[in-house]
Amino acid sequence: MQQDLTRVSKYLSFILRHRPDSIGLSLDANGWASIRELVDKSSAAGLTHELLEIAVATNDKQRFAISADGDFIRANQGHSIEVELDLAPVTPPEQLLHGTATRFWSSIQAQGLQKGQRHHVHLTESRAVAQSVGSRYGQTLLLEIRSGAMHEAGFKFFKTANHVWLVERVPIEFIRVIHD
């Protein structure tokens, strides 16, 4: 069952964050899709309404949200397609963390943290989450972000329903490498 849930989570991430058009699915301006339409258009991938609900409810990173009426689903963040998550700016804590791989450090030193193909740079308050994210890309590099100072300098921060902090970019002067 865990393999099915992992497969469904990856499938939902692909469809809801990057390529809804690959199955002919339409998202509204805020990234919401009809669950009924998603399941209907995903029958070849083996997606059922029950499997979708279990995958969303048990996803350890809470990547997805289901609307209050239970009819719609969206990814909480990480989109490479144009969506408006409709998040209000909030004041961040003094420090946030970002996990990446050591091989990206020279690029980060030159450009700071850039959003790349996504809408925002993703930050976290959790050291464990930052280390987990960083380990996906190679030897982990843990970065401390002086988010309080960034906020004072005029940068806008947003916080998703699953506690991921979002910001447009992070200039190098607000980044410090954490050495264990």
N, C-alpha and C. Protein backbone atom coordinates (compact mmCIF):
# COMPACT_ATOMS: atom_id res chain seq x y z
N MET A 1 0.82 -1.20 0.00
CA MET A 1 0.00 0.00 0.00
C MET A 1 0.86 1.26 0.00
N GLN A 2 2.01 1.25 0.77
CA GLN A 2 2.87 2.42 0.82
C GLN A 2 3.42 2.77 -0.56
N GLN A 3 3.75 1.77 -1.36
CA GLN A 3 4.24 2.03 -2.72
C GLN A 3 3.17 2.71 -3.55
N ASP A 4 1.91 2.29 -3.40
CA ASP A 4 0.81 2.92 -4.12
C ASP A 4 0.67 4.38 -3.71
N LEU A 5 0.79 4.65 -2.41
CA LEU A 5 0.64 6.02 -1.92
C LEU A 5 1.78 6.91 -2.41
N THR A 6 2.99 6.38 -2.44
CA THR A 6 4.13 7.14 -2.96
C THR A 6 3.94 7.43 -4.44
N ARG A 7 3.48 6.43 -5.19
CA ARG A 7 3.23 6.61 -6.61
C ARG A 7 2.15 7.67 -6.84
N VAL A 8 1.08 7.61 -6.06
CA VAL A 8 -0.02 8.59 -6.20
C VAL A 8 0.47 9.99 -5.85
N SER A 9 1.26 10.12 -4.79
CA SER A 9 1.78 11.43 -4.40
C SER A 9 2.65 12.03 -5.50
N LYS A 10 3.52 11.22 -6.08
CA LYS A 10 4.37 11.71 -7.17
C LYS A 10 3.53 12.08 -8.38
N TYR A 11 2.53 11.27 -8.67
CA TYR A 11 1.63 11.55 -9.80
C TYR A 11 0.88 12.87 -9.57
N LEU A 12 0.32 13.04 -8.37
CA LEU A 12 -0.40 14.27 -8.06
C LEU A 12 0.51 15.49 -8.12
N SER A 13 1.74 15.36 -7.64
CA SER A 13 2.70 16.46 -7.72
C SER A 13 2.95 16.85 -9.17
N PHE A 14 3.16 15.86 -10.01
CA PHE A 14 3.42 16.12 -11.43
C PHE A 14 2.22 16.83 -12.07
N ILE A 15 1.03 16.29 -11.86
CA ILE A 15 -0.17 16.84 -12.49
C ILE A 15 -0.54 18.21 -11.93
N LEU A 16 -0.61 18.32 -10.60
CA LEU A 16 -1.12 19.55 -9.98
C LEU A 16 -0.09 20.67 -9.91
N ARG A 17 1.20 20.35 -9.97
CA ARG A 17 2.23 21.39 -9.90
C ARG A 17 2.78 21.78 -11.28
N HIS A 18 2.83 20.81 -12.17
CA HIS A 18 3.58 21.05 -13.40
C HIS A 18 2.83 20.83 -14.71
N ARG A 19 2.07 19.75 -14.83
CA ARG A 19 1.54 19.39 -16.14
C ARG A 19 0.08 18.91 -16.12
N PRO A 20 -0.86 19.72 -15.67
CA PRO A 20 -2.26 19.29 -15.72
C PRO A 20 -2.71 19.02 -17.16
N ASP A 21 -2.11 19.73 -18.09
CA ASP A 21 -2.46 19.56 -19.50
C ASP A 21 -2.12 18.17 -20.03
N SER A 22 -1.21 17.46 -19.37
CA SER A 22 -0.81 16.13 -19.85
C SER A 22 -1.96 15.14 -19.80
N ILE A 23 -2.99 15.43 -18.98
CA ILE A 23 -4.18 14.57 -18.95
C ILE A 23 -5.43 15.36 -19.33
N GLY A 24 -5.24 16.59 -19.82
CA GLY A 24 -6.37 17.41 -20.21
C GLY A 24 -7.13 18.00 -19.03
N LEU A 25 -6.45 18.19 -17.91
CA LEU A 25 -7.07 18.72 -16.70
C LEU A 25 -6.92 20.24 -16.67
N SER A 26 -7.94 20.91 -16.21
CA SER A 26 -7.89 22.36 -16.05
C SER A 26 -7.83 22.73 -14.58
N LEU A 27 -6.95 23.66 -14.25
CA LEU A 27 -6.87 24.22 -12.90
C LEU A 27 -7.46 25.62 -12.95
N ASP A 28 -8.08 26.07 -11.85
CA ASP A 28 -8.53 27.45 -11.82
C ASP A 28 -7.32 28.35 -11.50
N ALA A 29 -7.55 29.65 -11.42
CA ALA A 29 -6.46 30.60 -11.22
C ALA A 29 -5.69 30.36 -9.93
N ASN A 30 -6.33 29.71 -8.95
CA ASN A 30 -5.68 29.44 -7.67
C ASN A 30 -5.13 28.02 -7.57
N GLY A 31 -5.10 27.30 -8.69
CA GLY A 31 -4.51 25.97 -8.73
C GLY A 31 -5.44 24.83 -8.34
N TRP A 32 -6.73 25.11 -8.12
CA TRP A 32 -7.68 24.07 -7.73
C TRP A 32 -8.18 23.31 -8.95
N ALA A 33 -8.32 22.00 -8.78
CA ALA A 33 -8.86 21.11 -9.82
C ALA A 33 -10.02 20.32 -9.23
N SER A 34 -10.98 20.02 -10.07
CA SER A 34 -12.09 19.17 -9.65
C SER A 34 -11.56 17.77 -9.37
N ILE A 35 -11.85 17.23 -8.19
CA ILE A 35 -11.42 15.88 -7.86
C ILE A 35 -12.08 14.87 -8.79
N ARG A 36 -13.35 15.07 -9.07
CA ARG A 36 -14.07 14.16 -9.97
C ARG A 36 -13.40 14.12 -11.35
N GLU A 37 -13.07 15.31 -11.89
CA GLU A 37 -12.42 15.38 -13.20
C GLU A 37 -11.02 14.75 -13.15
N LEU A 38 -10.27 15.03 -12.09
CA LEU A 38 -8.93 14.46 -11.93
C LEU A 38 -8.98 12.94 -11.91
N VAL A 39 -9.88 12.37 -11.12
CA VAL A 39 -9.99 10.91 -11.03
C VAL A 39 -10.45 10.34 -12.37
N ASP A 40 -11.43 10.97 -13.01
CA ASP A 40 -11.91 10.49 -14.31
C ASP A 40 -10.79 10.47 -15.35
N LYS A 41 -9.98 11.52 -15.37
CA LYS A 41 -8.92 11.64 -16.39
C LYS A 41 -7.67 10.87 -16.00
N SER A 42 -7.65 10.30 -14.79
CA SER A 42 -6.49 9.56 -14.31
C SER A 42 -6.77 8.07 -14.15
N SER A 43 -7.86 7.60 -14.70
CA SER A 43 -8.22 6.18 -14.53
C SER A 43 -7.13 5.26 -15.10
N ALA A 44 -6.50 5.68 -16.18
CA ALA A 44 -5.43 4.86 -16.77
C ALA A 44 -4.23 4.76 -15.84
N ALA A 45 -4.05 5.77 -14.97
CA ALA A 45 -2.94 5.75 -14.01
C ALA A 45 -3.33 5.01 -12.73
N GLY A 46 -4.56 4.51 -12.67
CA GLY A 46 -5.00 3.73 -11.51
C GLY A 46 -5.43 4.58 -10.32
N LEU A 47 -5.69 5.87 -10.55
CA LEU A 47 -6.10 6.74 -9.46
C LEU A 47 -7.59 6.57 -9.17
N THR A 48 -7.91 6.34 -7.93
CA THR A 48 -9.30 6.27 -7.49
C THR A 48 -9.53 7.38 -6.47
N HIS A 49 -10.78 7.71 -6.24
CA HIS A 49 -11.11 8.74 -5.26
C HIS A 49 -10.61 8.35 -3.88
N GLU A 50 -10.78 7.09 -3.53
CA GLU A 50 -10.34 6.61 -2.21
C GLU A 50 -8.82 6.70 -2.06
N LEU A 51 -8.09 6.26 -3.09
CA LEU A 51 -6.63 6.30 -3.04
C LEU A 51 -6.14 7.75 -2.96
N LEU A 52 -6.78 8.64 -3.69
CA LEU A 52 -6.43 10.06 -3.65
C LEU A 52 -6.61 10.60 -2.24
N GLU A 53 -7.74 10.34 -1.61
CA GLU A 53 -8.00 10.84 -0.26
C GLU A 53 -6.99 10.31 0.75
N ILE A 54 -6.65 9.04 0.65
CA ILE A 54 -5.68 8.45 1.58
C ILE A 54 -4.29 9.06 1.35
N ALA A 55 -3.91 9.23 0.08
CA ALA A 55 -2.60 9.81 -0.24
C ALA A 55 -2.48 11.23 0.29
N VAL A 56 -3.55 12.01 0.16
CA VAL A 56 -3.53 13.39 0.66
C VAL A 56 -3.48 13.41 2.18
N ALA A 57 -4.30 12.60 2.82
CA ALA A 57 -4.38 12.59 4.29
C ALA A 57 -3.10 12.08 4.94
N THR A 58 -2.39 11.17 4.30
CA THR A 58 -1.21 10.56 4.92
C THR A 58 0.10 11.13 4.41
N ASN A 59 0.06 12.10 3.50
CA ASN A 59 1.29 12.67 2.96
C ASN A 59 2.05 13.39 4.07
N ASP A 60 3.25 12.92 4.36
CA ASP A 60 4.02 13.46 5.48
C ASP A 60 4.38 14.92 5.32
N LYS A 61 4.47 15.39 4.09
CA LYS A 61 4.82 16.79 3.86
C LYS A 61 3.60 17.65 3.57
N GLN A 62 2.40 17.06 3.62
CA GLN A 62 1.16 17.81 3.41
C GLN A 62 1.25 18.65 2.14
N ARG A 63 1.60 18.01 1.04
CA ARG A 63 1.80 18.71 -0.22
C ARG A 63 0.50 19.19 -0.87
N PHE A 64 -0.63 18.61 -0.46
CA PHE A 64 -1.89 18.88 -1.14
C PHE A 64 -2.96 19.34 -0.15
N ALA A 65 -3.94 20.06 -0.69
CA ALA A 65 -5.08 20.49 0.12
C ALA A 65 -6.36 20.10 -0.62
N ILE A 66 -7.34 19.70 0.14
CA ILE A 66 -8.67 19.44 -0.40
C ILE A 66 -9.58 20.55 0.12
N SER A 67 -10.42 21.08 -0.75
CA SER A 67 -11.31 22.18 -0.38
C SER A 67 -12.26 21.75 0.73
N ALA A 68 -12.81 22.75 1.42
CA ALA A 68 -13.71 22.49 2.55
C ALA A 68 -14.92 21.66 2.13
N ASP A 69 -15.38 21.82 0.89
CA ASP A 69 -16.54 21.05 0.43
C ASP A 69 -16.16 19.67 -0.09
N GLY A 70 -14.85 19.39 -0.15
CA GLY A 70 -14.37 18.08 -0.59
C GLY A 70 -14.41 17.84 -2.08
N ASP A 71 -14.68 18.88 -2.86
CA ASP A 71 -14.82 18.72 -4.31
C ASP A 71 -13.57 19.06 -5.11
N PHE A 72 -12.62 19.77 -4.50
CA PHE A 72 -11.46 20.26 -5.24
C PHE A 72 -10.16 19.93 -4.50
N ILE A 73 -9.08 19.88 -5.27
CA ILE A 73 -7.74 19.58 -4.73
C ILE A 73 -6.74 20.52 -5.38
N ARG A 74 -5.68 20.85 -4.65
CA ARG A 74 -4.57 21.61 -5.23
C ARG A 74 -3.29 21.26 -4.50
N ALA A 75 -2.16 21.56 -5.15
CA ALA A 75 -0.86 21.46 -4.51
C ALA A 75 -0.67 22.72 -3.67
N ASN A 76 -0.08 22.58 -2.50
CA ASN A 76 0.11 23.72 -1.61
C ASN A 76 1.20 24.68 -2.07
N GLN A 77 2.19 24.18 -2.79
CA GLN A 77 3.28 25.01 -3.32
C GLN A 77 4.09 24.16 -4.27
N GLY A 78 5.11 24.77 -4.89
CA GLY A 78 6.02 24.03 -5.76
C GLY A 78 5.64 24.04 -7.22
N HIS A 79 4.73 24.92 -7.62
CA HIS A 79 4.26 24.96 -9.00
C HIS A 79 5.30 25.52 -9.96
N SER A 80 5.36 24.95 -11.14
CA SER A 80 6.14 25.55 -12.22
C SER A 80 5.19 26.18 -13.24
N ILE A 81 3.90 26.03 -13.04
CA ILE A 81 2.89 26.66 -13.89
C ILE A 81 2.32 27.87 -13.15
N GLU A 82 1.70 28.76 -13.87
CA GLU A 82 1.19 29.99 -13.27
C GLU A 82 -0.07 29.72 -12.45
N VAL A 83 0.02 29.92 -11.16
CA VAL A 83 -1.14 29.86 -10.25
C VAL A 83 -0.98 30.96 -9.22
N GLU A 84 -2.08 31.41 -8.68
CA GLU A 84 -2.06 32.39 -7.60
C GLU A 84 -2.54 31.68 -6.34
N LEU A 85 -1.63 31.41 -5.43
CA LEU A 85 -1.97 30.68 -4.22
C LEU A 85 -2.79 31.51 -3.24
N ASP A 86 -2.90 32.81 -3.52
CA ASP A 86 -3.74 33.69 -2.71
C ASP A 86 -3.32 33.69 -1.25
N LEU A 87 -2.02 33.78 -1.03
CA LEU A 87 -1.48 33.83 0.33
C LEU A 87 -1.18 35.28 0.70
N ALA A 88 -1.49 35.66 1.91
CA ALA A 88 -1.19 37.00 2.39
C ALA A 88 0.24 37.04 2.94
N PRO A 89 0.95 38.15 2.72
CA PRO A 89 2.29 38.26 3.30
C PRO A 89 2.22 38.18 4.83
N VAL A 90 3.21 37.52 5.42
CA VAL A 90 3.29 37.40 6.88
C VAL A 90 4.72 37.66 7.33
N THR A 91 4.86 38.03 8.59
CA THR A 91 6.18 38.28 9.17
C THR A 91 6.83 36.95 9.50
N PRO A 92 8.01 36.70 8.97
CA PRO A 92 8.70 35.43 9.24
C PRO A 92 9.43 35.47 10.57
N PRO A 93 9.85 34.30 11.07
CA PRO A 93 10.74 34.28 12.23
C PRO A 93 12.09 34.88 11.86
N GLU A 94 12.91 35.14 12.84
CA GLU A 94 14.23 35.76 12.58
C GLU A 94 15.09 34.93 11.64
N GLN A 95 15.07 33.60 11.78
CA GLN A 95 15.84 32.73 10.92
C GLN A 95 14.95 31.64 10.36
N LEU A 96 15.23 31.28 9.09
CA LEU A 96 14.63 30.12 8.46
C LEU A 96 15.77 29.30 7.88
N LEU A 97 15.46 28.13 7.41
CA LEU A 97 16.49 27.22 6.89
C LEU A 97 16.17 26.81 5.46
N HIS A 98 17.22 26.46 4.75
CA HIS A 98 17.09 25.94 3.39
C HIS A 98 18.10 24.81 3.23
N GLY A 99 17.64 23.68 2.74
CA GLY A 99 18.54 22.56 2.48
C GLY A 99 18.78 22.41 0.99
N THR A 100 20.01 22.23 0.63
CA THR A 100 20.40 22.04 -0.76
C THR A 100 21.61 21.11 -0.78
N ALA A 101 22.26 21.00 -1.91
CA ALA A 101 23.45 20.16 -2.03
C ALA A 101 24.70 21.03 -2.12
N THR A 102 25.80 20.51 -1.60
CA THR A 102 27.06 21.27 -1.60
C THR A 102 27.48 21.68 -3.01
N ARG A 103 27.12 20.89 -4.01
CA ARG A 103 27.54 21.21 -5.39
C ARG A 103 26.90 22.50 -5.92
N PHE A 104 25.86 23.00 -5.26
CA PHE A 104 25.20 24.23 -5.69
C PHE A 104 25.76 25.47 -5.00
N TRP A 105 26.69 25.29 -4.06
CA TRP A 105 27.16 26.41 -3.26
C TRP A 105 27.80 27.51 -4.09
N SER A 106 28.61 27.20 -5.08
CA SER A 106 29.26 28.26 -5.86
C SER A 106 28.23 29.11 -6.60
N SER A 107 27.19 28.49 -7.11
CA SER A 107 26.12 29.23 -7.76
C SER A 107 25.36 30.10 -6.77
N ILE A 108 25.11 29.57 -5.58
CA ILE A 108 24.41 30.33 -4.54
C ILE A 108 25.26 31.52 -4.12
N GLN A 109 26.57 31.32 -3.99
CA GLN A 109 27.45 32.43 -3.62
C GLN A 109 27.40 33.54 -4.67
N ALA A 110 27.25 33.18 -5.92
CA ALA A 110 27.22 34.16 -7.01
C ALA A 110 25.86 34.85 -7.15
N GLN A 111 24.77 34.09 -6.92
CA GLN A 111 23.44 34.63 -7.21
C GLN A 111 22.47 34.66 -6.04
N GLY A 112 22.85 34.09 -4.92
CA GLY A 112 21.90 33.91 -3.83
C GLY A 112 21.00 32.74 -4.18
N LEU A 113 19.93 32.56 -3.43
CA LEU A 113 18.96 31.50 -3.74
C LEU A 113 17.94 32.06 -4.70
N GLN A 114 17.79 31.38 -5.83
CA GLN A 114 16.85 31.79 -6.88
C GLN A 114 15.72 30.79 -6.97
N LYS A 115 14.56 31.24 -7.39
CA LYS A 115 13.40 30.35 -7.47
C LYS A 115 13.46 29.39 -8.65
N GLY A 116 14.29 29.65 -9.62
CA GLY A 116 14.40 28.76 -10.78
C GLY A 116 13.08 28.63 -11.51
N GLN A 117 12.64 27.42 -11.77
CA GLN A 117 11.40 27.18 -12.50
C GLN A 117 10.15 27.31 -11.62
N ARG A 118 10.33 27.46 -10.34
CA ARG A 118 9.20 27.54 -9.42
C ARG A 118 8.82 28.99 -9.17
N HIS A 119 7.74 29.18 -8.44
CA HIS A 119 7.26 30.52 -8.15
C HIS A 119 8.02 31.19 -7.01
N HIS A 120 8.58 30.40 -6.11
CA HIS A 120 9.26 30.94 -4.93
C HIS A 120 10.41 30.03 -4.50
N VAL A 121 11.27 30.58 -3.67
CA VAL A 121 12.27 29.80 -2.94
C VAL A 121 11.54 29.24 -1.72
N HIS A 122 11.77 27.97 -1.42
CA HIS A 122 11.12 27.31 -0.29
C HIS A 122 12.05 27.28 0.92
N LEU A 123 11.52 27.69 2.06
CA LEU A 123 12.27 27.72 3.32
C LEU A 123 11.47 27.00 4.39
N THR A 124 12.13 26.65 5.47
CA THR A 124 11.46 25.92 6.55
C THR A 124 11.99 26.37 7.91
N GLU A 125 11.21 26.11 8.94
CA GLU A 125 11.65 26.33 10.30
C GLU A 125 12.31 25.08 10.87
N SER A 126 12.17 23.96 10.18
CA SER A 126 12.61 22.66 10.68
C SER A 126 13.97 22.24 10.11
N ARG A 127 14.90 22.02 10.99
CA ARG A 127 16.22 21.53 10.57
C ARG A 127 16.11 20.16 9.88
N ALA A 128 15.26 19.29 10.43
CA ALA A 128 15.09 17.95 9.86
C ALA A 128 14.54 18.02 8.45
N VAL A 129 13.58 18.91 8.21
CA VAL A 129 13.01 19.06 6.87
C VAL A 129 14.08 19.60 5.91
N ALA A 130 14.81 20.62 6.34
CA ALA A 130 15.86 21.20 5.48
C ALA A 130 16.91 20.15 5.12
N GLN A 131 17.31 19.34 6.10
CA GLN A 131 18.30 18.29 5.83
C GLN A 131 17.73 17.23 4.88
N SER A 132 16.48 16.88 5.06
CA SER A 132 15.84 15.89 4.20
C SER A 132 15.77 16.39 2.75
N VAL A 133 15.37 17.64 2.59
CA VAL A 133 15.29 18.22 1.25
C VAL A 133 16.68 18.27 0.62
N GLY A 134 17.66 18.74 1.36
CA GLY A 134 19.02 18.84 0.84
C GLY A 134 19.61 17.51 0.44
N SER A 135 19.28 16.47 1.17
CA SER A 135 19.85 15.15 0.89
C SER A 135 19.32 14.54 -0.41
N ARG A 136 18.23 15.07 -0.94
CA ARG A 136 17.71 14.57 -2.22
C ARG A 136 18.62 14.90 -3.39
N TYR A 137 19.48 15.89 -3.21
CA TYR A 137 20.29 16.39 -4.32
C TYR A 137 21.77 16.08 -4.21
N GLY A 138 22.17 15.35 -3.20
CA GLY A 138 23.58 15.02 -3.01
C GLY A 138 23.98 15.30 -1.57
N GLN A 139 25.27 15.58 -1.36
CA GLN A 139 25.75 15.88 -0.02
C GLN A 139 25.08 17.16 0.47
N THR A 140 24.47 17.09 1.64
CA THR A 140 23.64 18.17 2.15
C THR A 140 24.43 19.39 2.57
N LEU A 141 23.91 20.55 2.17
CA LEU A 141 24.41 21.84 2.61
C LEU A 141 23.23 22.53 3.29
N LEU A 142 23.37 22.84 4.56
CA LEU A 142 22.31 23.47 5.33
C LEU A 142 22.60 24.96 5.43
N LEU A 143 21.62 25.77 5.03
CA LEU A 143 21.78 27.21 5.03
C LEU A 143 20.82 27.88 6.01
N GLU A 144 21.33 28.83 6.76
CA GLU A 144 20.50 29.64 7.62
C GLU A 144 20.20 30.94 6.88
N ILE A 145 18.93 31.30 6.85
CA ILE A 145 18.49 32.50 6.16
C ILE A 145 18.08 33.53 7.21
N ARG A 146 18.65 34.71 7.12
CA ARG A 146 18.29 35.79 8.05
C ARG A 146 16.99 36.44 7.57
N SER A 147 15.91 35.71 7.75
CA SER A 147 14.61 36.11 7.23
C SER A 147 14.06 37.37 7.91
N GLY A 148 14.33 37.53 9.19
CA GLY A 148 13.89 38.75 9.88
C GLY A 148 14.51 39.99 9.25
N ALA A 149 15.80 39.92 8.99
CA ALA A 149 16.50 41.05 8.35
C ALA A 149 16.00 41.26 6.92
N MET A 150 15.72 40.17 6.23
CA MET A 150 15.16 40.30 4.87
C MET A 150 13.81 41.01 4.90
N HIS A 151 12.98 40.60 5.85
CA HIS A 151 11.65 41.21 5.99
C HIS A 151 11.79 42.71 6.26
N GLU A 152 12.70 43.07 7.16
CA GLU A 152 12.94 44.48 7.46
C GLU A 152 13.43 45.24 6.22
N ALA A 153 14.12 44.54 5.32
CA ALA A 153 14.63 45.15 4.10
C ALA A 153 13.57 45.22 2.99
N GLY A 154 12.36 44.72 3.28
CA GLY A 154 11.27 44.84 2.31
C GLY A 154 10.88 43.59 1.57
N PHE A 155 11.51 42.47 1.86
CA PHE A 155 11.14 41.21 1.20
C PHE A 155 9.84 40.68 1.78
N LYS A 156 8.97 40.18 0.91
CA LYS A 156 7.69 39.62 1.35
C LYS A 156 7.80 38.10 1.51
N PHE A 157 7.30 37.64 2.62
CA PHE A 157 7.28 36.20 2.93
C PHE A 157 5.83 35.73 2.99
N PHE A 158 5.64 34.49 2.60
CA PHE A 158 4.33 33.85 2.63
C PHE A 158 4.49 32.49 3.30
N LYS A 159 3.44 32.02 3.95
CA LYS A 159 3.49 30.72 4.61
C LYS A 159 2.31 29.89 4.11
N THR A 160 2.62 28.69 3.62
CA THR A 160 1.58 27.82 3.08
C THR A 160 0.88 27.05 4.20
N ALA A 161 -0.19 26.39 3.83
CA ALA A 161 -0.97 25.60 4.79
C ALA A 161 -0.14 24.49 5.43
N ASN A 162 0.90 24.01 4.72
CA ASN A 162 1.73 22.95 5.27
C ASN A 162 3.06 23.49 5.82
N HIS A 163 3.06 24.77 6.19
CA HIS A 163 4.16 25.40 6.92
C HIS A 163 5.46 25.57 6.13
N VAL A 164 5.35 25.66 4.82
CA VAL A 164 6.51 25.99 3.99
C VAL A 164 6.51 27.51 3.82
N TRP A 165 7.67 28.10 4.06
CA TRP A 165 7.82 29.54 3.88
C TRP A 165 8.28 29.82 2.46
N LEU A 166 7.69 30.82 1.83
CA LEU A 166 7.99 31.17 0.45
C LEU A 166 8.48 32.60 0.36
N VAL A 167 9.47 32.82 -0.49
CA VAL A 167 9.99 34.15 -0.76
C VAL A 167 10.49 34.16 -2.20
N GLU A 168 10.46 35.30 -2.83
CA GLU A 168 10.83 35.43 -4.25
C GLU A 168 12.28 35.03 -4.51
N ARG A 169 13.20 35.47 -3.64
CA ARG A 169 14.62 35.14 -3.76
C ARG A 169 15.30 35.44 -2.44
N VAL A 170 16.53 34.95 -2.28
CA VAL A 170 17.30 35.23 -1.06
C VAL A 170 18.69 35.69 -1.50
N PRO A 171 18.99 36.98 -1.37
CA PRO A 171 20.34 37.46 -1.70
C PRO A 171 21.39 36.84 -0.77
N ILE A 172 22.59 36.71 -1.28
CA ILE A 172 23.67 36.04 -0.56
C ILE A 172 23.98 36.68 0.79
N GLU A 173 23.79 37.99 0.91
CA GLU A 173 24.11 38.65 2.18
C GLU A 173 23.19 38.21 3.33
N PHE A 174 22.12 37.50 3.03
CA PHE A 174 21.22 37.00 4.07
C PHE A 174 21.39 35.50 4.33
N ILE A 175 22.45 34.93 3.76
CA ILE A 175 22.66 33.48 3.85
C ILE A 175 23.93 33.17 4.64
N ARG A 176 23.82 32.17 5.53
CA ARG A 176 24.99 31.69 6.27
C ARG A 176 24.97 30.17 6.23
N VAL A 177 26.11 29.57 5.94
CA VAL A 177 26.23 28.12 5.95
C VAL A 177 26.29 27.66 7.39
N ILE A 178 25.52 26.61 7.69
CA ILE A 178 25.55 26.01 9.02
C ILE A 178 26.52 24.83 8.98
N HIS A 179 27.54 24.90 9.80
CA HIS A 179 28.52 23.81 9.90
C HIS A 179 28.24 23.02 11.17
N ASP A 180 28.09 21.72 11.03
CA ASP A 180 27.83 20.87 12.22
C ASP A 180 29.11 20.52 12.93
